[in-house]
Structure formats: structure tokens, C-alpha cells
C-alpha atoms as a PDB file:
ATOM      1  CA  UNK A   1      -0.040   0.244   0.066  1.00  0.00           C
ATOM      2  CA  UNK A   2       1.113   3.507  -0.756  1.00  0.00           C
ATOM      3  CA  UNK A   3       0.733   6.134   2.009  1.00  0.00           C
ATOM      4  CA  UNK A   4       0.802   9.743   1.767  1.00  0.00           C
ATOM      5  CA  UNK A   5       3.448   9.958   4.312  1.00  0.00           C
ATOM      6  CA  UNK A   6       5.905   7.681   2.180  1.00  0.00           C
ATOM      7  CA  UNK A   7       6.043  10.415  -0.445  1.00  0.00           C
ATOM      8  CA  UNK A   8       7.597  12.998   1.269  1.00  0.00           C
ATOM      9  CA  UNK A   9      10.107  10.494   3.605  1.00  0.00           C
ATOM     10  CA  UNK A  10      11.419   8.981   0.439  1.00  0.00           C
ATOM     11  CA  UNK A  11      11.799  12.115  -1.473  1.00  0.00           C
ATOM     12  CA  UNK A  12      13.755  13.446   1.554  1.00  0.00           C
ATOM     13  CA  UNK A  13      15.804  10.076   1.121  1.00  0.00           C
ATOM     14  CA  UNK A  14      16.456  10.547  -2.410  1.00  0.00           C
ATOM     15  CA  UNK A  15      17.463  13.665  -2.176  1.00  0.00           C
ATOM     16  CA  UNK A  16      20.086  13.373   0.962  1.00  0.00           C
ATOM     17  CA  UNK A  17      21.616   9.865  -0.575  1.00  0.00           C
ATOM     18  CA  UNK A  18      20.992   9.551  -4.255  1.00  0.00           C
ATOM     19  CA  UNK A  19      22.696  10.895  -7.345  1.00  0.00           C
ATOM     20  CA  UNK A  20      19.079  11.406  -9.145  1.00  0.00           C
ATOM     21  CA  UNK A  21      18.615   7.858 -10.453  1.00  0.00           C
ATOM     22  CA  UNK A  22      15.110   7.303  -9.002  1.00  0.00           C
ATOM     23  CA  UNK A  23      12.915   9.778  -8.067  1.00  0.00           C
ATOM     24  CA  UNK A  24       9.356   9.354  -5.805  1.00  0.00           C
ATOM     25  CA  UNK A  25       7.135   8.200  -9.029  1.00  0.00           C
ATOM     26  CA  UNK A  26       9.747   5.486  -9.972  1.00  0.00           C
ATOM     27  CA  UNK A  27       9.432   4.017  -6.820  1.00  0.00           C
ATOM     28  CA  UNK A  28       6.228   3.898  -6.995  1.00  0.00           C
ATOM     29  CA  UNK A  29       5.699   2.877 -10.074  1.00  0.00           C
ATOM     30  CA  UNK A  30       8.335  -0.078  -9.240  1.00  0.00           C
ATOM     31  CA  UNK A  31       5.941  -0.872  -6.583  1.00  0.00           C
ATOM     32  CA  UNK A  32       2.931  -1.088  -8.535  1.00  0.00           C
ATOM     33  CA  UNK A  33       4.622  -3.302 -11.107  1.00  0.00           C
ATOM     34  CA  UNK A  34       6.024  -5.726  -8.205  1.00  0.00           C
ATOM     35  CA  UNK A  35       9.446  -5.083  -8.923  1.00  0.00           C
ATOM     36  CA  UNK A  36       9.593  -3.017  -5.431  1.00  0.00           C
ATOM     37  CA  UNK A  37       8.308  -4.016  -2.186  1.00  0.00           C
ATOM     38  CA  UNK A  38       7.666  -1.178   0.642  1.00  0.00           C
ATOM     39  CA  UNK A  39       7.846  -2.033   3.880  1.00  0.00           C
ATOM     40  CA  UNK A  40       6.307   0.460   6.554  1.00  0.00           C
ATOM     41  CA  UNK A  41       7.002   0.762  10.449  1.00  0.00           C
ATOM     42  CA  UNK A  42       4.716   2.504  12.977  1.00  0.00           C
ATOM     43  CA  UNK A  43       5.425   3.627  16.414  1.00  0.00           C
ATOM     44  CA  UNK A  44       3.132   2.816  19.820  1.00  0.00           C
ATOM     45  CA  UNK A  45       1.112   5.736  18.386  1.00  0.00           C
ATOM     46  CA  UNK A  46       0.285   3.709  14.599  1.00  0.00           C
ATOM     47  CA  UNK A  47       2.526   7.039  12.895  1.00  0.00           C
ATOM     48  CA  UNK A  48       5.067   5.842  10.019  1.00  0.00           C
ATOM     49  CA  UNK A  49       8.422   6.482  11.209  1.00  0.00           C
ATOM     50  CA  UNK A  50      10.472   4.463   8.521  1.00  0.00           C
ATOM     51  CA  UNK A  51       9.495   3.375   5.114  1.00  0.00           C
ATOM     52  CA  UNK A  52      12.087   0.936   3.160  1.00  0.00           C
ATOM     53  CA  UNK A  53      11.962  -1.100  -0.252  1.00  0.00           C
ATOM     54  CA  UNK A  54      13.310  -4.165  -0.961  1.00  0.00           C
ATOM     55  CA  UNK A  55      14.146  -5.380  -4.599  1.00  0.00           C
ATOM     56  CA  UNK A  56      15.710  -8.850  -5.675  1.00  0.00           C
ATOM     57  CA  UNK A  57      18.816  -8.176  -7.487  1.00  0.00           C
ATOM     58  CA  UNK A  58      19.878 -11.393  -9.693  1.00  0.00           C
ATOM     59  CA  UNK A  59      23.740 -11.063 -10.217  1.00  0.00           C
ATOM     60  CA  UNK A  60      25.938 -13.715 -12.249  1.00  0.00           C
ATOM     61  CA  UNK A  61      25.205 -17.079 -12.579  1.00  0.00           C
ATOM     62  CA  UNK A  62      22.072 -16.495 -10.936  1.00  0.00           C
ATOM     63  CA  UNK A  63      22.572 -15.413  -7.649  1.00  0.00           C
ATOM     64  CA  UNK A  64      19.997 -13.880  -6.226  1.00  0.00           C
ATOM     65  CA  UNK A  65      20.318 -10.887  -3.314  1.00  0.00           C
ATOM     66  CA  UNK A  66      17.298  -9.042  -1.788  1.00  0.00           C
ATOM     67  CA  UNK A  67      18.657  -5.417  -1.348  1.00  0.00           C
ATOM     68  CA  UNK A  68      17.577  -2.731   1.178  1.00  0.00           C
ATOM     69  CA  UNK A  69      16.922  -0.081  -1.561  1.00  0.00           C
ATOM     70  CA  UNK A  70      15.102   2.519  -0.250  1.00  0.00           C
ATOM     71  CA  UNK A  71      15.543   3.600   3.316  1.00  0.00           C
ATOM     72  CA  UNK A  72      13.785   6.593   5.159  1.00  0.00           C
ATOM     73  CA  UNK A  73      13.252   7.290   8.621  1.00  0.00           C
ATOM     74  CA  UNK A  74      11.842  10.318  10.919  1.00  0.00           C
ATOM     75  CA  UNK A  75      14.366  12.051  12.746  1.00  0.00           C
ATOM     76  CA  UNK A  76      15.704   9.782  15.911  1.00  0.00           C
ATOM     77  CA  UNK A  77      14.191   6.613  14.646  1.00  0.00           C
ATOM     78  CA  UNK A  78      16.840   4.981  12.346  1.00  0.00           C
ATOM     79  CA  UNK A  79      17.298   1.681  14.466  1.00  0.00           C
ATOM     80  CA  UNK A  80      13.064   1.393  15.199  1.00  0.00           C
ATOM     81  CA  UNK A  81      13.540  -1.279  12.104  1.00  0.00           C
ATOM     82  CA  UNK A  82      15.496  -3.330  13.519  1.00  0.00           C
ATOM     83  CA  UNK A  83      13.181  -5.749  15.645  1.00  0.00           C
ATOM     84  CA  UNK A  84      11.662  -6.056  11.990  1.00  0.00           C
ATOM     85  CA  UNK A  85      14.867  -7.478  10.873  1.00  0.00           C
ATOM     86  CA  UNK A  86      13.796 -11.225  11.617  1.00  0.00           C
ATOM     87  CA  UNK A  87      10.497 -10.869   9.538  1.00  0.00           C
ATOM     88  CA  UNK A  88      12.661  -9.087   6.239  1.00  0.00           C
ATOM     89  CA  UNK A  89      15.131 -12.073   7.052  1.00  0.00           C
ATOM     90  CA  UNK A  90      12.105 -14.382   6.567  1.00  0.00           C
ATOM     91  CA  UNK A  91      10.977 -13.362   3.165  1.00  0.00           C
ATOM     92  CA  UNK A  92      14.224 -13.325   1.981  1.00  0.00           C
ATOM     93  CA  UNK A  93      14.347 -17.171   2.712  1.00  0.00           C
ATOM     94  CA  UNK A  94      11.258 -17.478   1.008  1.00  0.00           C
ATOM     95  CA  UNK A  95      12.312 -15.575  -2.212  1.00  0.00           C
ATOM     96  CA  UNK A  96      15.116 -18.680  -1.865  1.00  0.00           C
ATOM     97  CA  UNK A  97      17.489 -15.222  -2.144  1.00  0.00           C
ATOM     98  CA  UNK A  98      21.458 -15.700  -1.336  1.00  0.00           C
ATOM     99  CA  UNK A  99      20.984 -12.710   1.412  1.00  0.00           C
ATOM    100  CA  UNK A 100      20.339  -9.325   2.153  1.00  0.00           C
ATOM    101  CA  UNK A 101      22.547  -6.584   1.004  1.00  0.00           C
ATOM    102  CA  UNK A 102      22.515  -2.586   1.630  1.00  0.00           C
ATOM    103  CA  UNK A 103      23.918   0.171  -0.091  1.00  0.00           C
ATOM    104  CA  UNK A 104      24.390   3.125   1.911  1.00  0.00           C
ATOM    105  CA  UNK A 105      26.821   5.263   3.846  1.00  0.00           C
ATOM    106  CA  UNK A 106      29.308   4.318   5.778  1.00  0.00           C
ATOM    107  CA  UNK A 107      27.108   4.587   9.025  1.00  0.00           C
ATOM    108  CA  UNK A 108      25.320   1.413   7.893  1.00  0.00           C
ATOM    109  CA  UNK A 109      28.182  -0.817   8.693  1.00  0.00           C
ATOM    110  CA  UNK A 110      28.213  -0.049  12.184  1.00  0.00           C
ATOM    111  CA  UNK A 111      24.755  -0.526  12.767  1.00  0.00           C
ATOM    112  CA  UNK A 112      24.313  -3.706  11.053  1.00  0.00           C
ATOM    113  CA  UNK A 113      27.801  -5.506  12.132  1.00  0.00           C
ATOM    114  CA  UNK A 114      26.071  -6.750  15.119  1.00  0.00           C
ATOM    115  CA  UNK A 115      22.906  -8.357  12.891  1.00  0.00           C
ATOM    116  CA  UNK A 116      25.762 -10.239  10.900  1.00  0.00           C
ATOM    117  CA  UNK A 117      26.286  -7.868   8.151  1.00  0.00           C
ATOM    118  CA  UNK A 118      29.564  -7.599   6.626  1.00  0.00           C
ATOM    119  CA  UNK A 119      31.493  -4.659   5.070  1.00  0.00           C
ATOM    120  CA  UNK A 120      32.047  -5.720   1.193  1.00  0.00           C
ATOM    121  CA  UNK A 121      32.521  -2.527  -0.881  1.00  0.00           C
ATOM    122  CA  UNK A 122      31.576   1.345  -0.798  1.00  0.00           C
ATOM    123  CA  UNK A 123      29.404   2.541  -4.181  1.00  0.00           C
ATOM    124  CA  UNK A 124      31.449   5.017  -6.110  1.00  0.00           C
ATOM    125  CA  UNK A 125      29.505   7.562  -8.738  1.00  0.00           C
ATOM    126  CA  UNK A 126      30.428  10.081 -10.603  1.00  0.00           C
ATOM    127  CA  UNK A 127      27.571  12.507 -12.935  1.00  0.00           C
ATOM    128  CA  UNK A 128      29.356  13.632 -15.902  1.00  0.00           C
ATOM    129  CA  UNK A 129      28.111  16.708 -17.383  1.00  0.00           C
END
């Protein structure tokens, strides 16, 4: 489901972290097409505090990983979603993927290491004029 709160949260995340590859309409269309799944985390008052999306990425030799593609949170709520990590892991197992990956800023390494995630690479980009 697409909630009115999702759009500004995802737009803010894309503005902060993206290089213009995607916009909110792209994410919305991916969700409608079934190529991206949206997850919502709410607080005790049922307010949306975290929105994230997942996609299945296919690599060589048919290796598939589930990627946390977009992540948006309200201030001071970044870690709230971690209690739902087992649900994401179960979903990934049902999809029969090899694992879960996150491409993000360096701070993700420290946050996710206690949950079994290992640092593998940094994604570097350069916009061409």
C-alpha cells in the first residue's frame, strides 16, 4: 500500500543519498509493478516512522540477493526498524535469495554489524556533465 506519508519521506531520502537516478514516481511505479516491495514501521501511536523498500537483484550465475533499496526514517528513529529484521530475513528466505544487502553510507556498517552484516564495498559514483 502507498500511504501519503511515504512520498515526503522517500523524497527526502532520495535527495540526501541519491544522485538523481530515481525519483518518488519511479519508486511508486516499481511498487505497482511488483518489482519493489514497500515496508512500513509504525510507532506506538501508529505513526509511520520508517519506510524502506526491497528489491531482488540478480547477479551472475543466477545468484539472487534481496537489497534494501530505499530507506527513509523520521528523526531519531533509524534503529526502530531493526526489531523487524527477522521478518525481512524470513521474507528473503521465502524468496530463496542468497542474502540481504544494503548499499548505503558508511554509518550502515556500524549499525548492521551486530546483526551479522559484513562490510564488502563502497559504491562510488561520478556524474558526467
